[in-house]
Amino acid sequence: MRRYGCHCGLNVDPAVVRRRWGNLTESNIRTWRLAAAAAITAELALPPALLVPESAPYAVVAGIGMHAAFTCLKPRQLITFSGLTTSTYTAFVS
């Protein structure tokens, strides 16, 4: 098992990610950097979108979808965080 970051086992990539993308090429790295930039941009855009009543339902759906995707990438580490974040999206709409 290949570990990244600390040696306490918290930063382990899921097996499906290791199997599929274990040997990253330059193209893979560019793709992941683009995905990271898109996620950061979406995270920055969601709070203002939640404050505008017209865009709030779309922001909630986008936020829930984004955090569901994050949870699929690293389920053990992000299940609690994504659950709490998803519940705050619905609290904004209420």
N, C-alpha and C. Protein backbone atom coordinates (compact mmCIF):
# COMPACT_ATOMS: atom_id res chain seq x y z
N MET A 1 0.85 -1.17 0.00
CA MET A 1 0.00 0.00 0.00
C MET A 1 0.89 1.23 0.00
N ARG A 2 0.63 2.14 -0.90
CA ARG A 2 1.42 3.35 -1.00
C ARG A 2 0.75 4.44 -0.19
N ARG A 3 1.49 5.07 0.68
CA ARG A 3 0.93 6.11 1.55
C ARG A 3 1.54 7.46 1.21
N TYR A 4 0.74 8.48 1.38
CA TYR A 4 1.17 9.85 1.14
C TYR A 4 0.97 10.64 2.41
N GLY A 5 1.76 11.66 2.62
CA GLY A 5 1.58 12.50 3.80
C GLY A 5 2.08 11.79 5.04
N CYS A 6 1.30 11.87 6.11
CA CYS A 6 1.72 11.27 7.38
C CYS A 6 1.67 9.75 7.29
N HIS A 7 2.35 9.11 8.20
CA HIS A 7 2.41 7.65 8.20
C HIS A 7 1.39 7.02 9.12
N CYS A 8 0.37 7.79 9.52
CA CYS A 8 -0.64 7.25 10.43
C CYS A 8 -1.79 6.60 9.68
N GLY A 9 -1.74 6.55 8.35
CA GLY A 9 -2.77 5.87 7.58
C GLY A 9 -3.95 6.74 7.22
N LEU A 10 -3.92 8.01 7.55
CA LEU A 10 -5.06 8.87 7.27
C LEU A 10 -5.09 9.37 5.83
N ASN A 11 -3.95 9.42 5.18
CA ASN A 11 -3.88 9.97 3.83
C ASN A 11 -3.62 8.86 2.81
N VAL A 12 -4.45 7.86 2.81
CA VAL A 12 -4.31 6.73 1.89
C VAL A 12 -5.34 6.88 0.79
N ASP A 13 -4.90 6.78 -0.44
CA ASP A 13 -5.83 6.86 -1.56
C ASP A 13 -6.66 5.60 -1.62
N PRO A 14 -7.95 5.72 -1.97
CA PRO A 14 -8.78 4.52 -2.10
C PRO A 14 -8.21 3.57 -3.16
N ALA A 15 -8.47 2.29 -3.00
CA ALA A 15 -7.90 1.28 -3.90
C ALA A 15 -8.30 1.53 -5.35
N VAL A 16 -9.53 1.95 -5.59
CA VAL A 16 -9.96 2.19 -6.98
C VAL A 16 -9.14 3.31 -7.62
N VAL A 17 -8.78 4.32 -6.85
CA VAL A 17 -7.96 5.41 -7.38
C VAL A 17 -6.55 4.91 -7.65
N ARG A 18 -5.99 4.15 -6.73
CA ARG A 18 -4.64 3.62 -6.93
C ARG A 18 -4.58 2.70 -8.14
N ARG A 19 -5.60 1.83 -8.29
CA ARG A 19 -5.61 0.90 -9.42
C ARG A 19 -5.71 1.63 -10.75
N ARG A 20 -6.57 2.64 -10.77
CA ARG A 20 -6.83 3.29 -12.04
C ARG A 20 -5.82 4.38 -12.38
N TRP A 21 -5.39 5.14 -11.37
CA TRP A 21 -4.51 6.29 -11.63
C TRP A 21 -3.22 6.23 -10.82
N GLY A 22 -2.72 5.03 -10.57
CA GLY A 22 -1.53 4.88 -9.74
C GLY A 22 -0.28 5.48 -10.35
N ASN A 23 -0.14 5.43 -11.64
CA ASN A 23 1.03 5.98 -12.32
C ASN A 23 0.59 7.18 -13.15
N LEU A 24 0.66 8.34 -12.54
CA LEU A 24 0.16 9.54 -13.20
C LEU A 24 1.10 10.02 -14.29
N THR A 25 0.52 10.31 -15.44
CA THR A 25 1.28 10.92 -16.53
C THR A 25 1.12 12.43 -16.42
N GLU A 26 1.82 13.15 -17.26
CA GLU A 26 1.68 14.62 -17.28
C GLU A 26 0.25 15.02 -17.60
N SER A 27 -0.40 14.30 -18.47
CA SER A 27 -1.79 14.57 -18.80
C SER A 27 -2.70 14.36 -17.60
N ASN A 28 -2.46 13.28 -16.86
CA ASN A 28 -3.25 13.02 -15.64
C ASN A 28 -3.07 14.13 -14.62
N ILE A 29 -1.84 14.58 -14.46
CA ILE A 29 -1.56 15.65 -13.49
C ILE A 29 -2.27 16.92 -13.90
N ARG A 30 -2.25 17.26 -15.18
CA ARG A 30 -2.98 18.45 -15.66
C ARG A 30 -4.47 18.31 -15.40
N THR A 31 -5.00 17.12 -15.62
CA THR A 31 -6.44 16.88 -15.39
C THR A 31 -6.79 17.08 -13.92
N TRP A 32 -5.98 16.52 -13.01
CA TRP A 32 -6.25 16.66 -11.58
C TRP A 32 -6.08 18.10 -11.13
N ARG A 33 -5.11 18.81 -11.70
CA ARG A 33 -4.96 20.23 -11.35
C ARG A 33 -6.17 21.03 -11.80
N LEU A 34 -6.68 20.73 -12.99
CA LEU A 34 -7.88 21.40 -13.48
C LEU A 34 -9.08 21.08 -12.59
N ALA A 35 -9.21 19.82 -12.19
CA ALA A 35 -10.30 19.43 -11.29
C ALA A 35 -10.18 20.14 -9.95
N ALA A 36 -8.96 20.26 -9.43
CA ALA A 36 -8.76 20.97 -8.16
C ALA A 36 -9.11 22.44 -8.29
N ALA A 37 -8.71 23.06 -9.39
CA ALA A 37 -9.03 24.47 -9.61
C ALA A 37 -10.54 24.67 -9.74
N ALA A 38 -11.21 23.75 -10.42
CA ALA A 38 -12.68 23.84 -10.55
C ALA A 38 -13.36 23.68 -9.20
N ALA A 39 -12.87 22.76 -8.36
CA ALA A 39 -13.46 22.56 -7.03
C ALA A 39 -13.26 23.79 -6.16
N ILE A 40 -12.09 24.39 -6.22
CA ILE A 40 -11.82 25.60 -5.43
C ILE A 40 -12.71 26.74 -5.90
N THR A 41 -12.85 26.90 -7.20
CA THR A 41 -13.71 27.94 -7.75
C THR A 41 -15.16 27.73 -7.32
N ALA A 42 -15.62 26.49 -7.37
CA ALA A 42 -17.00 26.20 -6.94
C ALA A 42 -17.17 26.47 -5.45
N GLU A 43 -16.18 26.11 -4.65
CA GLU A 43 -16.26 26.37 -3.20
C GLU A 43 -16.32 27.86 -2.92
N LEU A 44 -15.63 28.65 -3.70
CA LEU A 44 -15.67 30.10 -3.51
C LEU A 44 -16.99 30.71 -4.00
N ALA A 45 -17.59 30.11 -5.01
CA ALA A 45 -18.82 30.65 -5.59
C ALA A 45 -20.07 30.24 -4.81
N LEU A 46 -20.03 29.14 -4.10
CA LEU A 46 -21.23 28.64 -3.43
C LEU A 46 -21.76 29.55 -2.32
N PRO A 47 -20.93 30.06 -1.41
CA PRO A 47 -21.51 30.89 -0.34
C PRO A 47 -22.29 32.11 -0.85
N PRO A 48 -21.75 32.90 -1.80
CA PRO A 48 -22.57 34.01 -2.30
C PRO A 48 -23.83 33.53 -3.01
N ALA A 49 -23.73 32.40 -3.72
CA ALA A 49 -24.90 31.88 -4.42
C ALA A 49 -25.99 31.43 -3.44
N LEU A 50 -25.58 30.97 -2.26
CA LEU A 50 -26.56 30.56 -1.26
C LEU A 50 -27.31 31.75 -0.68
N LEU A 51 -26.71 32.92 -0.72
CA LEU A 51 -27.35 34.11 -0.16
C LEU A 51 -28.36 34.75 -1.10
N VAL A 52 -28.29 34.44 -2.38
CA VAL A 52 -29.24 34.98 -3.37
C VAL A 52 -30.39 34.00 -3.49
N PRO A 53 -31.61 34.42 -3.16
CA PRO A 53 -32.74 33.48 -3.16
C PRO A 53 -32.97 32.78 -4.50
N GLU A 54 -32.73 33.46 -5.60
CA GLU A 54 -32.97 32.85 -6.92
C GLU A 54 -31.98 31.73 -7.23
N SER A 55 -30.76 31.85 -6.76
CA SER A 55 -29.75 30.85 -7.08
C SER A 55 -29.53 29.83 -5.96
N ALA A 56 -30.15 30.05 -4.80
CA ALA A 56 -29.92 29.17 -3.65
C ALA A 56 -30.25 27.70 -3.92
N PRO A 57 -31.40 27.37 -4.54
CA PRO A 57 -31.66 25.94 -4.79
C PRO A 57 -30.60 25.27 -5.68
N TYR A 58 -30.12 26.01 -6.67
CA TYR A 58 -29.08 25.46 -7.55
C TYR A 58 -27.76 25.30 -6.80
N ALA A 59 -27.46 26.24 -5.93
CA ALA A 59 -26.23 26.16 -5.14
C ALA A 59 -26.28 24.98 -4.18
N VAL A 60 -27.45 24.72 -3.61
CA VAL A 60 -27.60 23.57 -2.71
C VAL A 60 -27.35 22.28 -3.47
N VAL A 61 -27.94 22.15 -4.63
CA VAL A 61 -27.75 20.93 -5.44
C VAL A 61 -26.28 20.78 -5.85
N ALA A 62 -25.67 21.89 -6.26
CA ALA A 62 -24.26 21.84 -6.66
C ALA A 62 -23.37 21.48 -5.47
N GLY A 63 -23.64 22.06 -4.32
CA GLY A 63 -22.84 21.77 -3.13
C GLY A 63 -22.97 20.33 -2.68
N ILE A 64 -24.20 19.83 -2.67
CA ILE A 64 -24.42 18.44 -2.27
C ILE A 64 -23.74 17.49 -3.26
N GLY A 65 -23.86 17.77 -4.53
CA GLY A 65 -23.20 16.94 -5.54
C GLY A 65 -21.69 16.97 -5.43
N MET A 66 -21.16 18.16 -5.17
CA MET A 66 -19.71 18.29 -5.05
C MET A 66 -19.20 17.53 -3.83
N HIS A 67 -19.88 17.65 -2.72
CA HIS A 67 -19.42 16.96 -1.52
C HIS A 67 -19.67 15.45 -1.59
N ALA A 68 -20.66 15.04 -2.33
CA ALA A 68 -20.85 13.61 -2.57
C ALA A 68 -19.67 13.06 -3.39
N ALA A 69 -19.24 13.83 -4.37
CA ALA A 69 -18.08 13.42 -5.18
C ALA A 69 -16.81 13.37 -4.32
N PHE A 70 -16.63 14.37 -3.44
CA PHE A 70 -15.47 14.35 -2.54
C PHE A 70 -15.48 13.10 -1.67
N THR A 71 -16.66 12.75 -1.17
CA THR A 71 -16.79 11.57 -0.31
C THR A 71 -16.46 10.29 -1.07
N CYS A 72 -16.82 10.24 -2.34
CA CYS A 72 -16.47 9.06 -3.15
C CYS A 72 -14.97 8.94 -3.34
N LEU A 73 -14.26 10.06 -3.41
CA LEU A 73 -12.81 10.01 -3.59
C LEU A 73 -12.07 9.55 -2.33
N LYS A 74 -12.51 10.02 -1.18
CA LYS A 74 -11.86 9.67 0.09
C LYS A 74 -12.92 9.43 1.14
N PRO A 75 -13.63 8.31 1.06
CA PRO A 75 -14.79 8.11 1.93
C PRO A 75 -14.49 8.10 3.43
N ARG A 76 -13.45 7.43 3.84
CA ARG A 76 -13.19 7.31 5.27
C ARG A 76 -12.85 8.67 5.89
N GLN A 77 -12.12 9.48 5.17
CA GLN A 77 -11.68 10.75 5.72
C GLN A 77 -12.75 11.83 5.62
N LEU A 78 -13.62 11.77 4.63
CA LEU A 78 -14.51 12.90 4.37
C LEU A 78 -15.98 12.66 4.67
N ILE A 79 -16.37 11.50 5.15
CA ILE A 79 -17.79 11.23 5.35
C ILE A 79 -18.39 12.18 6.38
N THR A 80 -17.72 12.42 7.48
CA THR A 80 -18.26 13.32 8.50
C THR A 80 -18.29 14.76 7.99
N PHE A 81 -17.19 15.21 7.40
CA PHE A 81 -17.11 16.58 6.89
C PHE A 81 -18.18 16.82 5.82
N SER A 82 -18.29 15.92 4.88
CA SER A 82 -19.27 16.10 3.80
C SER A 82 -20.70 16.03 4.33
N GLY A 83 -20.95 15.18 5.30
CA GLY A 83 -22.28 15.12 5.89
C GLY A 83 -22.65 16.42 6.58
N LEU A 84 -21.73 16.97 7.35
CA LEU A 84 -21.99 18.24 8.03
C LEU A 84 -22.14 19.38 7.03
N THR A 85 -21.30 19.41 6.03
CA THR A 85 -21.38 20.47 5.04
C THR A 85 -22.68 20.39 4.25
N THR A 86 -23.08 19.20 3.87
CA THR A 86 -24.34 19.01 3.14
C THR A 86 -25.52 19.47 3.98
N SER A 87 -25.48 19.20 5.27
CA SER A 87 -26.60 19.64 6.12
C SER A 87 -26.65 21.15 6.25
N THR A 88 -25.49 21.81 6.19
CA THR A 88 -25.52 23.28 6.25
C THR A 88 -26.10 23.88 4.98
N TYR A 89 -25.90 23.22 3.84
CA TYR A 89 -26.52 23.72 2.61
C TYR A 89 -28.03 23.73 2.74
N THR A 90 -28.60 22.66 3.26
CA THR A 90 -30.04 22.62 3.41
C THR A 90 -30.52 23.60 4.49
N ALA A 91 -29.70 23.87 5.49
CA ALA A 91 -30.05 24.85 6.51
C ALA A 91 -30.11 26.26 5.91
N PHE A 92 -29.27 26.55 4.95
CA PHE A 92 -29.30 27.86 4.29
C PHE A 92 -30.62 28.08 3.58
N VAL A 93 -31.13 27.06 2.99
CA VAL A 93 -32.38 27.19 2.22
C VAL A 93 -33.58 27.29 3.13
N SER A 94 -33.52 26.66 4.29
CA SER A 94 -34.68 26.65 5.21
C SER A 94 -35.02 28.01 5.75
